[in-house]
């Protein structure tokens, strides 16, 4: 699993990702979205935080899969929405 989602950015060392870790059915689950209040709360509480956005799992909002096809192969790619 690669965690290098921000390596292309010239200020990658200033970018952090928050995620919620919880247990579901006795197993550790990583949830890649956080509550809406997290960005304004962190900006207010930590002067070093200058901006932020939330990533939202698009499932339930829109068709969550991009379909790519090449000859007889079909690929499905889930995606996230961002609110800034």
PDB file of N, CA and C in Angstrom:
ATOM      1  N   UNK A   1       0.842  -1.173   0.000  1.00  0.00           N
ATOM      2  CA  UNK A   1       0.000   0.000   0.000  1.00  0.00           C
ATOM      3  C   UNK A   1       0.892   1.243   0.000  1.00  0.00           C
ATOM      4  N   UNK A   2       0.642   2.160  -0.887  1.00  0.00           N
ATOM      5  CA  UNK A   2       1.415   3.385  -0.970  1.00  0.00           C
ATOM      6  C   UNK A   2       0.709   4.513  -0.226  1.00  0.00           C
ATOM      7  N   UNK A   3       1.440   5.225   0.590  1.00  0.00           N
ATOM      8  CA  UNK A   3       0.886   6.382   1.283  1.00  0.00           C
ATOM      9  C   UNK A   3       1.398   7.677   0.671  1.00  0.00           C
ATOM     10  N   UNK A   4       2.038   7.596  -0.464  1.00  0.00           N
ATOM     11  CA  UNK A   4       2.649   8.755  -1.115  1.00  0.00           C
ATOM     12  C   UNK A   4       1.640   9.461  -2.015  1.00  0.00           C
ATOM     13  N   UNK A   5       0.556   9.942  -1.452  1.00  0.00           N
ATOM     14  CA  UNK A   5      -0.492  10.580  -2.221  1.00  0.00           C
ATOM     15  C   UNK A   5      -0.169  12.030  -2.556  1.00  0.00           C
ATOM     16  N   UNK A   6       0.826  12.607  -1.907  1.00  0.00           N
ATOM     17  CA  UNK A   6       1.099  14.034  -2.067  1.00  0.00           C
ATOM     18  C   UNK A   6       2.516  14.331  -2.540  1.00  0.00           C
ATOM     19  N   UNK A   7       3.271  13.352  -2.959  1.00  0.00           N
ATOM     20  CA  UNK A   7       4.657  13.539  -3.317  1.00  0.00           C
ATOM     21  C   UNK A   7       4.898  14.468  -4.487  1.00  0.00           C
ATOM     22  N   UNK A   8       3.901  14.687  -5.315  1.00  0.00           N
ATOM     23  CA  UNK A   8       4.045  15.561  -6.474  1.00  0.00           C
ATOM     24  C   UNK A   8       4.049  17.037  -6.093  1.00  0.00           C
ATOM     25  N   UNK A   9       3.527  17.371  -4.932  1.00  0.00           N
ATOM     26  CA  UNK A   9       3.341  18.773  -4.538  1.00  0.00           C
ATOM     27  C   UNK A   9       4.650  19.381  -4.055  1.00  0.00           C
ATOM     28  N   UNK A  10       4.937  20.627  -4.442  1.00  0.00           N
ATOM     29  CA  UNK A  10       6.204  21.252  -4.059  1.00  0.00           C
ATOM     30  C   UNK A  10       6.308  21.500  -2.554  1.00  0.00           C
ATOM     31  N   UNK A  11       5.184  21.522  -1.851  1.00  0.00           N
ATOM     32  CA  UNK A  11       5.208  21.673  -0.389  1.00  0.00           C
ATOM     33  C   UNK A  11       4.656  20.412   0.283  1.00  0.00           C
ATOM     34  N   UNK A  12       5.028  19.263  -0.251  1.00  0.00           N
ATOM     35  CA  UNK A  12       4.516  17.988   0.264  1.00  0.00           C
ATOM     36  C   UNK A  12       4.826  17.792   1.745  1.00  0.00           C
ATOM     37  N   UNK A  13       5.929  18.354   2.211  1.00  0.00           N
ATOM     38  CA  UNK A  13       6.284  18.206   3.620  1.00  0.00           C
ATOM     39  C   UNK A  13       5.373  19.022   4.542  1.00  0.00           C
ATOM     40  N   UNK A  14       4.481  19.832   3.977  1.00  0.00           N
ATOM     41  CA  UNK A  14       3.525  20.620   4.756  1.00  0.00           C
ATOM     42  C   UNK A  14       2.122  20.028   4.698  1.00  0.00           C
ATOM     43  N   UNK A  15       1.950  18.915   4.014  1.00  0.00           N
ATOM     44  CA  UNK A  15       0.626  18.320   3.821  1.00  0.00           C
ATOM     45  C   UNK A  15       0.491  17.091   4.726  1.00  0.00           C
ATOM     46  N   UNK A  16      -0.622  17.050   5.437  1.00  0.00           N
ATOM     47  CA  UNK A  16      -0.909  15.933   6.337  1.00  0.00           C
ATOM     48  C   UNK A  16      -2.289  15.395   6.032  1.00  0.00           C
ATOM     49  N   UNK A  17      -2.457  14.138   6.297  1.00  0.00           N
ATOM     50  CA  UNK A  17      -3.756  13.496   6.074  1.00  0.00           C
ATOM     51  C   UNK A  17      -4.250  12.922   7.392  1.00  0.00           C
ATOM     52  N   UNK A  18      -5.477  13.261   7.731  1.00  0.00           N
ATOM     53  CA  UNK A  18      -6.115  12.705   8.922  1.00  0.00           C
ATOM     54  C   UNK A  18      -7.054  11.589   8.493  1.00  0.00           C
ATOM     55  N   UNK A  19      -7.158  10.593   9.327  1.00  0.00           N
ATOM     56  CA  UNK A  19      -8.139   9.547   9.073  1.00  0.00           C
ATOM     57  C   UNK A  19      -8.656   9.040  10.409  1.00  0.00           C
ATOM     58  N   UNK A  20      -9.819   8.481  10.381  1.00  0.00           N
ATOM     59  CA  UNK A  20     -10.453   7.938  11.577  1.00  0.00           C
ATOM     60  C   UNK A  20     -10.194   6.434  11.616  1.00  0.00           C
ATOM     61  N   UNK A  21      -9.590   5.976  12.681  1.00  0.00           N
ATOM     62  CA  UNK A  21      -9.399   4.545  12.876  1.00  0.00           C
ATOM     63  C   UNK A  21     -10.442   4.070  13.878  1.00  0.00           C
ATOM     64  N   UNK A  22     -11.177   3.041  13.529  1.00  0.00           N
ATOM     65  CA  UNK A  22     -12.194   2.516  14.435  1.00  0.00           C
ATOM     66  C   UNK A  22     -12.289   1.010  14.248  1.00  0.00           C
ATOM     67  N   UNK A  23     -13.014   0.370  15.149  1.00  0.00           N
ATOM     68  CA  UNK A  23     -13.219  -1.066  15.039  1.00  0.00           C
ATOM     69  C   UNK A  23     -14.625  -1.330  14.540  1.00  0.00           C
ATOM     70  N   UNK A  24     -14.727  -2.157  13.516  1.00  0.00           N
ATOM     71  CA  UNK A  24     -16.011  -2.576  12.975  1.00  0.00           C
ATOM     72  C   UNK A  24     -16.015  -4.091  12.905  1.00  0.00           C
ATOM     73  N   UNK A  25     -16.960  -4.692  13.566  1.00  0.00           N
ATOM     74  CA  UNK A  25     -17.044  -6.150  13.661  1.00  0.00           C
ATOM     75  C   UNK A  25     -15.758  -6.749  14.204  1.00  0.00           C
ATOM     76  N   UNK A  26     -15.140  -6.052  15.189  1.00  0.00           N
ATOM     77  CA  UNK A  26     -13.936  -6.554  15.824  1.00  0.00           C
ATOM     78  C   UNK A  26     -12.656  -6.375  15.034  1.00  0.00           C
ATOM     79  N   UNK A  27     -12.735  -5.721  13.867  1.00  0.00           N
ATOM     80  CA  UNK A  27     -11.556  -5.515  13.035  1.00  0.00           C
ATOM     81  C   UNK A  27     -11.286  -4.028  12.898  1.00  0.00           C
ATOM     82  N   UNK A  28      -9.982  -3.689  12.879  1.00  0.00           N
ATOM     83  CA  UNK A  28      -9.593  -2.299  12.709  1.00  0.00           C
ATOM     84  C   UNK A  28      -9.951  -1.835  11.306  1.00  0.00           C
ATOM     85  N   UNK A  29     -10.640  -0.705  11.222  1.00  0.00           N
ATOM     86  CA  UNK A  29     -11.049  -0.146   9.927  1.00  0.00           C
ATOM     87  C   UNK A  29     -10.516   1.277   9.825  1.00  0.00           C
ATOM     88  N   UNK A  30      -9.995   1.623   8.656  1.00  0.00           N
ATOM     89  CA  UNK A  30      -9.515   2.970   8.398  1.00  0.00           C
ATOM     90  C   UNK A  30     -10.566   3.690   7.581  1.00  0.00           C
ATOM     91  N   UNK A  31     -11.074   4.763   8.120  1.00  0.00           N
ATOM     92  CA  UNK A  31     -12.083   5.549   7.436  1.00  0.00           C
ATOM     93  C   UNK A  31     -11.408   6.818   6.956  1.00  0.00           C
ATOM     94  N   UNK A  32     -11.420   7.068   5.682  1.00  0.00           N
ATOM     95  CA  UNK A  32     -10.652   8.158   5.103  1.00  0.00           C
ATOM     96  C   UNK A  32     -11.437   9.460   5.003  1.00  0.00           C
ATOM     97  N   UNK A  33     -12.430   9.621   5.842  1.00  0.00           N
ATOM     98  CA  UNK A  33     -13.155  10.888   5.928  1.00  0.00           C
ATOM     99  C   UNK A  33     -13.232  11.283   7.396  1.00  0.00           C
ATOM    100  N   UNK A  34     -13.414  12.552   7.646  1.00  0.00           N
ATOM    101  CA  UNK A  34     -13.533  13.051   9.013  1.00  0.00           C
ATOM    102  C   UNK A  34     -14.759  13.956   9.095  1.00  0.00           C
ATOM    103  N   UNK A  35     -15.137  14.328  10.302  1.00  0.00           N
ATOM    104  CA  UNK A  35     -16.331  15.145  10.509  1.00  0.00           C
ATOM    105  C   UNK A  35     -16.151  16.535   9.906  1.00  0.00           C
ATOM    106  N   UNK A  36     -17.238  17.197   9.502  1.00  0.00           N
ATOM    107  CA  UNK A  36     -17.134  18.516   8.861  1.00  0.00           C
ATOM    108  C   UNK A  36     -16.420  19.572   9.698  1.00  0.00           C
ATOM    109  N   UNK A  37     -16.532  19.521  10.996  1.00  0.00           N
ATOM    110  CA  UNK A  37     -15.962  20.569  11.854  1.00  0.00           C
ATOM    111  C   UNK A  37     -14.446  20.470  12.010  1.00  0.00           C
ATOM    112  N   UNK A  38     -13.826  19.432  11.514  1.00  0.00           N
ATOM    113  CA  UNK A  38     -12.397  19.229  11.789  1.00  0.00           C
ATOM    114  C   UNK A  38     -11.517  20.335  11.202  1.00  0.00           C
ATOM    115  N   UNK A  39     -11.783  20.775   9.974  1.00  0.00           N
ATOM    116  CA  UNK A  39     -10.920  21.790   9.355  1.00  0.00           C
ATOM    117  C   UNK A  39     -11.007  23.123  10.093  1.00  0.00           C
ATOM    118  N   UNK A  40     -12.206  23.711  10.302  1.00  0.00           N
ATOM    119  CA  UNK A  40     -12.240  24.982  11.031  1.00  0.00           C
ATOM    120  C   UNK A  40     -11.735  24.857  12.463  1.00  0.00           C
ATOM    121  N   UNK A  41     -11.954  23.725  13.111  1.00  0.00           N
ATOM    122  CA  UNK A  41     -11.476  23.525  14.471  1.00  0.00           C
ATOM    123  C   UNK A  41      -9.956  23.492  14.513  1.00  0.00           C
ATOM    124  N   UNK A  42      -9.340  22.805  13.566  1.00  0.00           N
ATOM    125  CA  UNK A  42      -7.879  22.738  13.538  1.00  0.00           C
ATOM    126  C   UNK A  42      -7.262  24.084  13.178  1.00  0.00           C
ATOM    127  N   UNK A  43      -7.879  24.807  12.246  1.00  0.00           N
ATOM    128  CA  UNK A  43      -7.364  26.135  11.889  1.00  0.00           C
ATOM    129  C   UNK A  43      -7.430  27.074  13.093  1.00  0.00           C
ATOM    130  N   UNK A  44      -8.527  27.000  13.846  1.00  0.00           N
ATOM    131  CA  UNK A  44      -8.689  27.858  15.020  1.00  0.00           C
ATOM    132  C   UNK A  44      -7.762  27.441  16.162  1.00  0.00           C
ATOM    133  N   UNK A  45      -7.566  26.155  16.338  1.00  0.00           N
ATOM    134  CA  UNK A  45      -6.814  25.643  17.486  1.00  0.00           C
ATOM    135  C   UNK A  45      -5.316  25.502  17.282  1.00  0.00           C
ATOM    136  N   UNK A  46      -4.869  25.456  16.036  1.00  0.00           N
ATOM    137  CA  UNK A  46      -3.453  25.262  15.750  1.00  0.00           C
ATOM    138  C   UNK A  46      -2.995  26.324  14.754  1.00  0.00           C
ATOM    139  N   UNK A  47      -2.242  27.331  15.194  1.00  0.00           N
ATOM    140  CA  UNK A  47      -1.835  28.415  14.301  1.00  0.00           C
ATOM    141  C   UNK A  47      -1.035  27.934  13.092  1.00  0.00           C
ATOM    142  N   UNK A  48      -0.346  26.807  13.212  1.00  0.00           N
ATOM    143  CA  UNK A  48       0.441  26.301  12.092  1.00  0.00           C
ATOM    144  C   UNK A  48      -0.418  25.693  10.983  1.00  0.00           C
ATOM    145  N   UNK A  49      -1.700  25.443  11.252  1.00  0.00           N
ATOM    146  CA  UNK A  49      -2.613  24.946  10.219  1.00  0.00           C
ATOM    147  C   UNK A  49      -3.166  26.161   9.482  1.00  0.00           C
ATOM    148  N   UNK A  50      -2.865  26.262   8.196  1.00  0.00           N
ATOM    149  CA  UNK A  50      -3.286  27.443   7.432  1.00  0.00           C
ATOM    150  C   UNK A  50      -4.478  27.170   6.526  1.00  0.00           C
ATOM    151  N   UNK A  51      -4.731  25.925   6.203  1.00  0.00           N
ATOM    152  CA  UNK A  51      -5.850  25.592   5.329  1.00  0.00           C
ATOM    153  C   UNK A  51      -6.117  24.101   5.412  1.00  0.00           C
ATOM    154  N   UNK A  52      -7.209  23.676   4.834  1.00  0.00           N
ATOM    155  CA  UNK A  52      -7.524  22.252   4.836  1.00  0.00           C
ATOM    156  C   UNK A  52      -8.715  21.945   3.964  1.00  0.00           C
ATOM    157  N   UNK A  53      -8.934  20.683   3.732  1.00  0.00           N
ATOM    158  CA  UNK A  53     -10.130  20.226   3.017  1.00  0.00           C
ATOM    159  C   UNK A  53     -10.481  18.844   3.532  1.00  0.00           C
ATOM    160  N   UNK A  54     -11.677  18.423   3.257  1.00  0.00           N
ATOM    161  CA  UNK A  54     -12.114  17.073   3.626  1.00  0.00           C
ATOM    162  C   UNK A  54     -12.299  16.262   2.370  1.00  0.00           C
ATOM    163  N   UNK A  55     -11.941  14.987   2.447  1.00  0.00           N
ATOM    164  CA  UNK A  55     -12.239  14.053   1.371  1.00  0.00           C
ATOM    165  C   UNK A  55     -13.438  13.230   1.801  1.00  0.00           C
ATOM    166  N   UNK A  56     -14.391  13.106   0.908  1.00  0.00           N
ATOM    167  CA  UNK A  56     -15.629  12.412   1.214  1.00  0.00           C
ATOM    168  C   UNK A  56     -15.792  11.250   0.248  1.00  0.00           C
ATOM    169  N   UNK A  57     -16.047  10.071   0.789  1.00  0.00           N
ATOM    170  CA  UNK A  57     -16.304   8.924  -0.071  1.00  0.00           C
ATOM    171  C   UNK A  57     -17.543   9.228  -0.891  1.00  0.00           C
ATOM    172  N   UNK A  58     -17.417   9.195  -2.191  1.00  0.00           N
ATOM    173  CA  UNK A  58     -18.500   9.599  -3.085  1.00  0.00           C
ATOM    174  C   UNK A  58     -19.656   8.593  -3.119  1.00  0.00           C
ATOM    175  N   UNK A  59     -19.456   7.414  -2.577  1.00  0.00           N
ATOM    176  CA  UNK A  59     -20.506   6.406  -2.607  1.00  0.00           C
ATOM    177  C   UNK A  59     -21.752   6.933  -1.915  1.00  0.00           C
ATOM    178  N   UNK A  60     -22.872   6.814  -2.549  1.00  0.00           N
ATOM    179  CA  UNK A  60     -24.126   7.315  -2.003  1.00  0.00           C
ATOM    180  C   UNK A  60     -24.492   8.693  -2.521  1.00  0.00           C
ATOM    181  N   UNK A  61     -23.527   9.437  -3.019  1.00  0.00           N
ATOM    182  CA  UNK A  61     -23.791  10.760  -3.569  1.00  0.00           C
ATOM    183  C   UNK A  61     -23.926  10.718  -5.088  1.00  0.00           C
ATOM    184  N   UNK A  62     -23.002  10.044  -5.716  1.00  0.00           N
ATOM    185  CA  UNK A  62     -22.958   9.976  -7.177  1.00  0.00           C
ATOM    186  C   UNK A  62     -22.488   8.584  -7.578  1.00  0.00           C
ATOM    187  N   UNK A  63     -22.533   8.298  -8.866  1.00  0.00           N
ATOM    188  CA  UNK A  63     -21.964   7.050  -9.357  1.00  0.00           C
ATOM    189  C   UNK A  63     -20.482   7.059  -8.997  1.00  0.00           C
ATOM    190  N   UNK A  64     -20.061   6.139  -8.150  1.00  0.00           N
ATOM    191  CA  UNK A  64     -18.730   6.217  -7.558  1.00  0.00           C
ATOM    192  C   UNK A  64     -17.647   5.517  -8.355  1.00  0.00           C
ATOM    193  N   UNK A  65     -17.949   5.077  -9.532  1.00  0.00           N
ATOM    194  CA  UNK A  65     -16.913   4.357 -10.257  1.00  0.00           C
ATOM    195  C   UNK A  65     -16.731   4.929 -11.648  1.00  0.00           C
ATOM    196  N   UNK A  66     -15.497   5.180 -11.965  1.00  0.00           N
ATOM    197  CA  UNK A  66     -15.147   5.583 -13.311  1.00  0.00           C
ATOM    198  C   UNK A  66     -14.854   4.305 -14.070  1.00  0.00           C
ATOM    199  N   UNK A  67     -15.475   4.139 -15.180  1.00  0.00           N
ATOM    200  CA  UNK A  67     -15.272   2.919 -15.954  1.00  0.00           C
ATOM    201  C   UNK A  67     -14.318   3.218 -17.099  1.00  0.00           C
ATOM    202  N   UNK A  68     -13.258   2.476 -17.138  1.00  0.00           N
ATOM    203  CA  UNK A  68     -12.290   2.569 -18.219  1.00  0.00           C
ATOM    204  C   UNK A  68     -12.287   1.235 -18.942  1.00  0.00           C
ATOM    205  N   UNK A  69     -12.266   1.257 -20.235  1.00  0.00           N
ATOM    206  CA  UNK A  69     -12.222  -0.015 -20.959  1.00  0.00           C
ATOM    207  C   UNK A  69     -11.163   0.044 -22.049  1.00  0.00           C
ATOM    208  N   UNK A  70     -10.540  -1.066 -22.230  1.00  0.00           N
ATOM    209  CA  UNK A  70      -9.550  -1.221 -23.287  1.00  0.00           C
ATOM    210  C   UNK A  70      -9.697  -2.633 -23.819  1.00  0.00           C
ATOM    211  N   UNK A  71     -10.155  -2.680 -25.036  1.00  0.00           N
ATOM    212  CA  UNK A  71     -10.468  -3.974 -25.669  1.00  0.00           C
ATOM    213  C   UNK A  71     -11.451  -4.727 -24.794  1.00  0.00           C
ATOM    214  N   UNK A  72     -11.127  -5.933 -24.375  1.00  0.00           N
ATOM    215  CA  UNK A  72     -12.095  -6.700 -23.584  1.00  0.00           C
ATOM    216  C   UNK A  72     -11.925  -6.504 -22.077  1.00  0.00           C
ATOM    217  N   UNK A  73     -10.977  -5.667 -21.668  1.00  0.00           N
ATOM    218  CA  UNK A  73     -10.747  -5.428 -20.240  1.00  0.00           C
ATOM    219  C   UNK A  73     -11.511  -4.183 -19.793  1.00  0.00           C
ATOM    220  N   UNK A  74     -12.169  -4.284 -18.631  1.00  0.00           N
ATOM    221  CA  UNK A  74     -12.920  -3.160 -18.063  1.00  0.00           C
ATOM    222  C   UNK A  74     -12.370  -2.899 -16.662  1.00  0.00           C
ATOM    223  N   UNK A  75     -12.123  -1.623 -16.355  1.00  0.00           N
ATOM    224  CA  UNK A  75     -11.581  -1.240 -15.058  1.00  0.00           C
ATOM    225  C   UNK A  75     -12.566  -0.317 -14.356  1.00  0.00           C
ATOM    226  N   UNK A  76     -12.733  -0.523 -13.077  1.00  0.00           N
ATOM    227  CA  UNK A  76     -13.580   0.321 -12.258  1.00  0.00           C
ATOM    228  C   UNK A  76     -12.696   1.029 -11.246  1.00  0.00           C
ATOM    229  N   UNK A  77     -12.858   2.329 -11.122  1.00  0.00           N
ATOM    230  CA  UNK A  77     -12.003   3.107 -10.230  1.00  0.00           C
ATOM    231  C   UNK A  77     -12.875   3.971  -9.327  1.00  0.00           C
ATOM    232  N   UNK A  78     -12.952   3.621  -8.020  1.00  0.00           N
ATOM    233  CA  UNK A  78     -13.719   4.483  -7.092  1.00  0.00           C
ATOM    234  C   UNK A  78     -13.002   5.799  -6.886  1.00  0.00           C
ATOM    235  N   UNK A  79     -13.717   6.828  -6.468  1.00  0.00           N
ATOM    236  CA  UNK A  79     -13.087   8.116  -6.247  1.00  0.00           C
ATOM    237  C   UNK A  79     -13.698   8.833  -5.052  1.00  0.00           C
ATOM    238  N   UNK A  80     -13.044   9.899  -4.626  1.00  0.00           N
ATOM    239  CA  UNK A  80     -13.492  10.705  -3.492  1.00  0.00           C
ATOM    240  C   UNK A  80     -13.860  12.094  -3.963  1.00  0.00           C
ATOM    241  N   UNK A  81     -14.745  12.747  -3.218  1.00  0.00           N
ATOM    242  CA  UNK A  81     -15.071  14.147  -3.431  1.00  0.00           C
ATOM    243  C   UNK A  81     -14.305  14.970  -2.400  1.00  0.00           C
ATOM    244  N   UNK A  82     -13.984  16.203  -2.727  1.00  0.00           N
ATOM    245  CA  UNK A  82     -13.309  17.077  -1.761  1.00  0.00           C
ATOM    246  C   UNK A  82     -14.145  18.329  -1.553  1.00  0.00           C
ATOM    247  N   UNK A  83     -14.246  18.751  -0.292  1.00  0.00           N
ATOM    248  CA  UNK A  83     -14.857  20.060  -0.038  1.00  0.00           C
ATOM    249  C   UNK A  83     -13.813  20.918   0.638  1.00  0.00           C
ATOM    250  N   UNK A  84     -13.745  22.147   0.195  1.00  0.00           N
ATOM    251  CA  UNK A  84     -12.699  23.054   0.660  1.00  0.00           C
ATOM    252  C   UNK A  84     -13.332  24.182   1.451  1.00  0.00           C
TER     253      UNK A  84
END
